Amino acid sequence: MFVVREARPEDAEALTGLIEELGYAVTAFDVAERLDRLAKLGQPALVADEGKPIGCLTWNIMPVLHRDTRVGRISMLVVTARKRSAGIGAQLVIAAEARMKALGCALIEVTSNQKRVDAHRFYERLGYERTSLRFGKTIEG
C-alpha cells in the first residue's frame, strides 16, 4: 500500500533514481534544490510513498492573459517501472488535480515527451485530450 504526500528533502536520492528512469541525468543535490524551490513556490512535488518513493509528480500553475482562470500543468510524472499499471500514477494525478483546482485552475495541461506513447494513452484514459503542440528551444548562456 502506498500514500501520496508532499516530497521532502530526504526523498532526493530516491527521486533521483526515478527521474533517471525517464532518461534524465540528475544528481541528488540538484533534485534536493529543485524540491526546495518548488515547495517555496507553494507547488511541492508529490510522491507515492511505499516506505520509500515509488512515484513522483511535479506540477505548476501559470497565470495567463488569454484565459480568465489560471492554467495548471503536470510537468513530470514517473512511477518506478516495477510498479507501473497499479494505479499509482492515476492517484498522483488525482492529488495534483485537486491541488490545482483548489488554487483556481479550471484547465490542466500535461507535458509529455512525444515519444512516450504509453504515457499518452494513460493520460487519455484519465480524460485528457490532445489539444495543441508544444515547441521547445534550449537557450544557452
C-alpha atoms as a PDB file:
ATOM      1  CA  MET A   1       0.000   0.000   0.000  1.00  0.00           C
ATOM      2  CA  PHE A   2       1.207   3.494  -0.762  1.00  0.00           C
ATOM      3  CA  VAL A   3       0.311   7.018   0.315  1.00  0.00           C
ATOM      4  CA  VAL A   4       0.514  10.222  -1.704  1.00  0.00           C
ATOM      5  CA  ARG A   5       2.303  13.021   0.126  1.00  0.00           C
ATOM      6  CA  GLU A   6       4.429  16.092  -0.485  1.00  0.00           C
ATOM      7  CA  ALA A   7       8.047  15.403  -1.316  1.00  0.00           C
ATOM      8  CA  ARG A   8      10.614  16.033   1.400  1.00  0.00           C
ATOM      9  CA  PRO A   9      14.339  16.849   1.121  1.00  0.00           C
ATOM     10  CA  GLU A  10      15.261  13.352   2.284  1.00  0.00           C
ATOM     11  CA  ASP A  11      13.457  11.950  -0.787  1.00  0.00           C
ATOM     12  CA  ALA A  12      16.063  13.427  -3.138  1.00  0.00           C
ATOM     13  CA  GLU A  13      18.158  10.272  -3.505  1.00  0.00           C
ATOM     14  CA  ALA A  14      15.189   8.016  -4.326  1.00  0.00           C
ATOM     15  CA  LEU A  15      13.688  10.621  -6.650  1.00  0.00           C
ATOM     16  CA  THR A  16      16.998  10.856  -8.498  1.00  0.00           C
ATOM     17  CA  GLY A  17      16.636   7.188  -9.435  1.00  0.00           C
ATOM     18  CA  LEU A  18      13.054   7.705 -10.594  1.00  0.00           C
ATOM     19  CA  ILE A  19      13.990  10.696 -12.737  1.00  0.00           C
ATOM     20  CA  GLU A  20      16.834   8.687 -14.248  1.00  0.00           C
ATOM     21  CA  GLU A  21      14.238   6.066 -15.275  1.00  0.00           C
ATOM     22  CA  LEU A  22      12.806   8.799 -17.517  1.00  0.00           C
ATOM     23  CA  GLY A  23      16.228   9.223 -19.110  1.00  0.00           C
ATOM     24  CA  TYR A  24      17.328  12.444 -17.403  1.00  0.00           C
ATOM     25  CA  ALA A  25      20.745  12.727 -15.762  1.00  0.00           C
ATOM     26  CA  VAL A  26      20.367  14.417 -12.363  1.00  0.00           C
ATOM     27  CA  THR A  27      22.144  14.432  -9.037  1.00  0.00           C
ATOM     28  CA  ALA A  28      20.561  14.094  -5.616  1.00  0.00           C
ATOM     29  CA  PHE A  29      21.924  17.553  -4.780  1.00  0.00           C
ATOM     30  CA  ASP A  30      20.150  19.086  -7.791  1.00  0.00           C
ATOM     31  CA  VAL A  31      16.919  17.250  -7.007  1.00  0.00           C
ATOM     32  CA  ALA A  32      17.028  18.459  -3.382  1.00  0.00           C
ATOM     33  CA  GLU A  33      17.491  22.068  -4.537  1.00  0.00           C
ATOM     34  CA  ARG A  34      14.614  21.767  -7.006  1.00  0.00           C
ATOM     35  CA  LEU A  35      12.334  20.190  -4.404  1.00  0.00           C
ATOM     36  CA  ASP A  36      13.050  23.153  -2.131  1.00  0.00           C
ATOM     37  CA  ARG A  37      12.368  25.642  -4.924  1.00  0.00           C
ATOM     38  CA  LEU A  38       9.029  24.016  -5.800  1.00  0.00           C
ATOM     39  CA  ALA A  39       7.976  23.912  -2.152  1.00  0.00           C
ATOM     40  CA  LYS A  40       8.806  27.616  -1.712  1.00  0.00           C
ATOM     41  CA  LEU A  41       6.576  28.383  -4.720  1.00  0.00           C
ATOM     42  CA  GLY A  42       3.718  26.569  -2.988  1.00  0.00           C
ATOM     43  CA  GLN A  43       3.780  23.887  -5.677  1.00  0.00           C
ATOM     44  CA  PRO A  44       5.514  20.961  -3.959  1.00  0.00           C
ATOM     45  CA  ALA A  45       6.322  17.786  -5.817  1.00  0.00           C
ATOM     46  CA  LEU A  46       4.080  14.887  -4.850  1.00  0.00           C
ATOM     47  CA  VAL A  47       5.356  11.396  -4.175  1.00  0.00           C
ATOM     48  CA  ALA A  48       3.773   7.995  -3.887  1.00  0.00           C
ATOM     49  CA  ASP A  49       5.415   6.523  -0.811  1.00  0.00           C
ATOM     50  CA  GLU A  50       5.563   2.795  -0.092  1.00  0.00           C
ATOM     51  CA  GLY A  51       8.223   3.003   2.591  1.00  0.00           C
ATOM     52  CA  LYS A  52      10.245   4.922   0.029  1.00  0.00           C
ATOM     53  CA  PRO A  53       9.196   6.968  -3.019  1.00  0.00           C
ATOM     54  CA  ILE A  54       7.959   4.784  -5.884  1.00  0.00           C
ATOM     55  CA  GLY A  55       6.438   7.594  -7.932  1.00  0.00           C
ATOM     56  CA  CYS A  56       6.678  11.351  -8.313  1.00  0.00           C
ATOM     57  CA  LEU A  57       4.672  14.111  -9.969  1.00  0.00           C
ATOM     58  CA  THR A  58       5.583  17.763 -10.422  1.00  0.00           C
ATOM     59  CA  TRP A  59       3.056  20.440 -11.229  1.00  0.00           C
ATOM     60  CA  ASN A  60       2.874  24.182 -11.576  1.00  0.00           C
ATOM     61  CA  ILE A  61       0.361  26.940 -12.088  1.00  0.00           C
ATOM     62  CA  MET A  62       0.655  29.532 -14.819  1.00  0.00           C
ATOM     63  CA  PRO A  63      -1.187  32.832 -14.791  1.00  0.00           C
ATOM     64  CA  VAL A  64      -2.137  33.546 -18.399  1.00  0.00           C
ATOM     65  CA  LEU A  65      -3.553  36.519 -20.243  1.00  0.00           C
ATOM     66  CA  HIS A  66      -5.704  34.641 -22.747  1.00  0.00           C
ATOM     67  CA  ARG A  67      -7.918  32.816 -20.200  1.00  0.00           C
ATOM     68  CA  ASP A  68      -9.993  34.015 -17.290  1.00  0.00           C
ATOM     69  CA  THR A  69      -8.599  31.334 -14.979  1.00  0.00           C
ATOM     70  CA  ARG A  70      -5.190  30.032 -14.124  1.00  0.00           C
ATOM     71  CA  VAL A  71      -3.820  27.066 -16.038  1.00  0.00           C
ATOM     72  CA  GLY A  72      -2.270  24.134 -14.226  1.00  0.00           C
ATOM     73  CA  ARG A  73       0.349  21.894 -15.720  1.00  0.00           C
ATOM     74  CA  ILE A  74       1.622  18.450 -14.874  1.00  0.00           C
ATOM     75  CA  SER A  75       5.239  18.696 -15.931  1.00  0.00           C
ATOM     76  CA  MET A  76       6.590  15.322 -14.807  1.00  0.00           C
ATOM     77  CA  LEU A  77       5.119  12.013 -13.751  1.00  0.00           C
ATOM     78  CA  VAL A  78       7.124   8.881 -13.153  1.00  0.00           C
ATOM     79  CA  VAL A  79       6.356   5.616 -11.418  1.00  0.00           C
ATOM     80  CA  THR A  80       9.124   3.082 -11.000  1.00  0.00           C
ATOM     81  CA  ALA A  81       8.964   0.504 -13.794  1.00  0.00           C
ATOM     82  CA  ARG A  82       8.242  -2.421 -11.478  1.00  0.00           C
ATOM     83  CA  LYS A  83       5.127  -0.680 -10.078  1.00  0.00           C
ATOM     84  CA  ARG A  84       3.526   0.694 -13.243  1.00  0.00           C
ATOM     85  CA  SER A  85      -0.086  -0.123 -14.163  1.00  0.00           C
ATOM     86  CA  ALA A  86      -1.068  -0.442 -10.490  1.00  0.00           C
ATOM     87  CA  GLY A  87      -2.989   2.849 -10.168  1.00  0.00           C
ATOM     88  CA  ILE A  88      -0.119   4.783  -8.617  1.00  0.00           C
ATOM     89  CA  GLY A  89       0.220   7.309 -11.433  1.00  0.00           C
ATOM     90  CA  ALA A  90      -3.542   7.872 -11.501  1.00  0.00           C
ATOM     91  CA  GLN A  91      -3.586   8.611  -7.767  1.00  0.00           C
ATOM     92  CA  LEU A  92      -0.735  11.098  -8.158  1.00  0.00           C
ATOM     93  CA  VAL A  93      -2.643  12.833 -10.977  1.00  0.00           C
ATOM     94  CA  ILE A  94      -5.853  12.963  -8.918  1.00  0.00           C
ATOM     95  CA  ALA A  95      -3.963  14.513  -5.989  1.00  0.00           C
ATOM     96  CA  ALA A  96      -2.332  17.119  -8.238  1.00  0.00           C
ATOM     97  CA  GLU A  97      -5.646  17.945  -9.932  1.00  0.00           C
ATOM     98  CA  ALA A  98      -7.250  18.574  -6.530  1.00  0.00           C
ATOM     99  CA  ARG A  99      -4.463  20.962  -5.535  1.00  0.00           C
ATOM    100  CA  MET A 100      -4.611  22.872  -8.805  1.00  0.00           C
ATOM    101  CA  LYS A 101      -8.397  23.132  -8.683  1.00  0.00           C
ATOM    102  CA  ALA A 102      -8.200  24.485  -5.121  1.00  0.00           C
ATOM    103  CA  LEU A 103      -5.769  27.141  -6.390  1.00  0.00           C
ATOM    104  CA  GLY A 104      -8.147  28.354  -9.110  1.00  0.00           C
ATOM    105  CA  CYS A 105      -7.267  26.267 -12.151  1.00  0.00           C
ATOM    106  CA  ALA A 106     -10.114  25.351 -14.478  1.00  0.00           C
ATOM    107  CA  LEU A 107      -7.795  23.797 -17.072  1.00  0.00           C
ATOM    108  CA  ILE A 108      -4.924  21.398 -16.524  1.00  0.00           C
ATOM    109  CA  GLU A 109      -2.399  20.588 -19.220  1.00  0.00           C
ATOM    110  CA  VAL A 110       0.122  17.778 -19.328  1.00  0.00           C
ATOM    111  CA  THR A 111       3.648  17.952 -20.657  1.00  0.00           C
ATOM    112  CA  SER A 112       4.667  14.563 -22.064  1.00  0.00           C
ATOM    113  CA  ASN A 113       7.505  13.725 -24.413  1.00  0.00           C
ATOM    114  CA  GLN A 114       6.107  12.848 -27.830  1.00  0.00           C
ATOM    115  CA  LYS A 115       7.971   9.522 -27.700  1.00  0.00           C
ATOM    116  CA  ARG A 116       6.095   8.328 -24.595  1.00  0.00           C
ATOM    117  CA  VAL A 117       3.129   6.770 -26.380  1.00  0.00           C
ATOM    118  CA  ASP A 118       2.125   4.638 -23.383  1.00  0.00           C
ATOM    119  CA  ALA A 119       2.024   7.778 -21.238  1.00  0.00           C
ATOM    120  CA  HIS A 120      -0.219   9.483 -23.792  1.00  0.00           C
ATOM    121  CA  ARG A 121      -2.691   6.607 -23.597  1.00  0.00           C
ATOM    122  CA  PHE A 122      -2.555   6.796 -19.793  1.00  0.00           C
ATOM    123  CA  TYR A 123      -3.493  10.486 -19.812  1.00  0.00           C
ATOM    124  CA  GLU A 124      -6.251   9.907 -22.348  1.00  0.00           C
ATOM    125  CA  ARG A 125      -7.734   7.239 -20.060  1.00  0.00           C
ATOM    126  CA  LEU A 126      -7.822   9.897 -17.334  1.00  0.00           C
ATOM    127  CA  GLY A 127      -9.808  12.252 -19.585  1.00  0.00           C
ATOM    128  CA  TYR A 128      -7.023  14.365 -21.072  1.00  0.00           C
ATOM    129  CA  GLU A 129      -7.262  15.255 -24.759  1.00  0.00           C
ATOM    130  CA  ARG A 130      -4.648  16.169 -27.328  1.00  0.00           C
ATOM    131  CA  THR A 131      -5.291  19.866 -27.833  1.00  0.00           C
ATOM    132  CA  SER A 132      -2.125  21.554 -29.027  1.00  0.00           C
ATOM    133  CA  LEU A 133       1.522  21.197 -29.895  1.00  0.00           C
ATOM    134  CA  ARG A 134       4.277  22.498 -27.687  1.00  0.00           C
ATOM    135  CA  PHE A 135       7.638  23.563 -29.030  1.00  0.00           C
ATOM    136  CA  GLY A 136      10.858  23.779 -27.041  1.00  0.00           C
ATOM    137  CA  LYS A 137      14.133  25.561 -27.594  1.00  0.00           C
ATOM    138  CA  THR A 138      17.235  25.341 -25.454  1.00  0.00           C
ATOM    139  CA  ILE A 139      18.722  28.761 -24.760  1.00  0.00           C
ATOM    140  CA  GLU A 140      22.394  28.650 -23.917  1.00  0.00           C
ATOM    141  CA  GLY A 141      24.360  31.176 -21.917  1.00  0.00           C
END
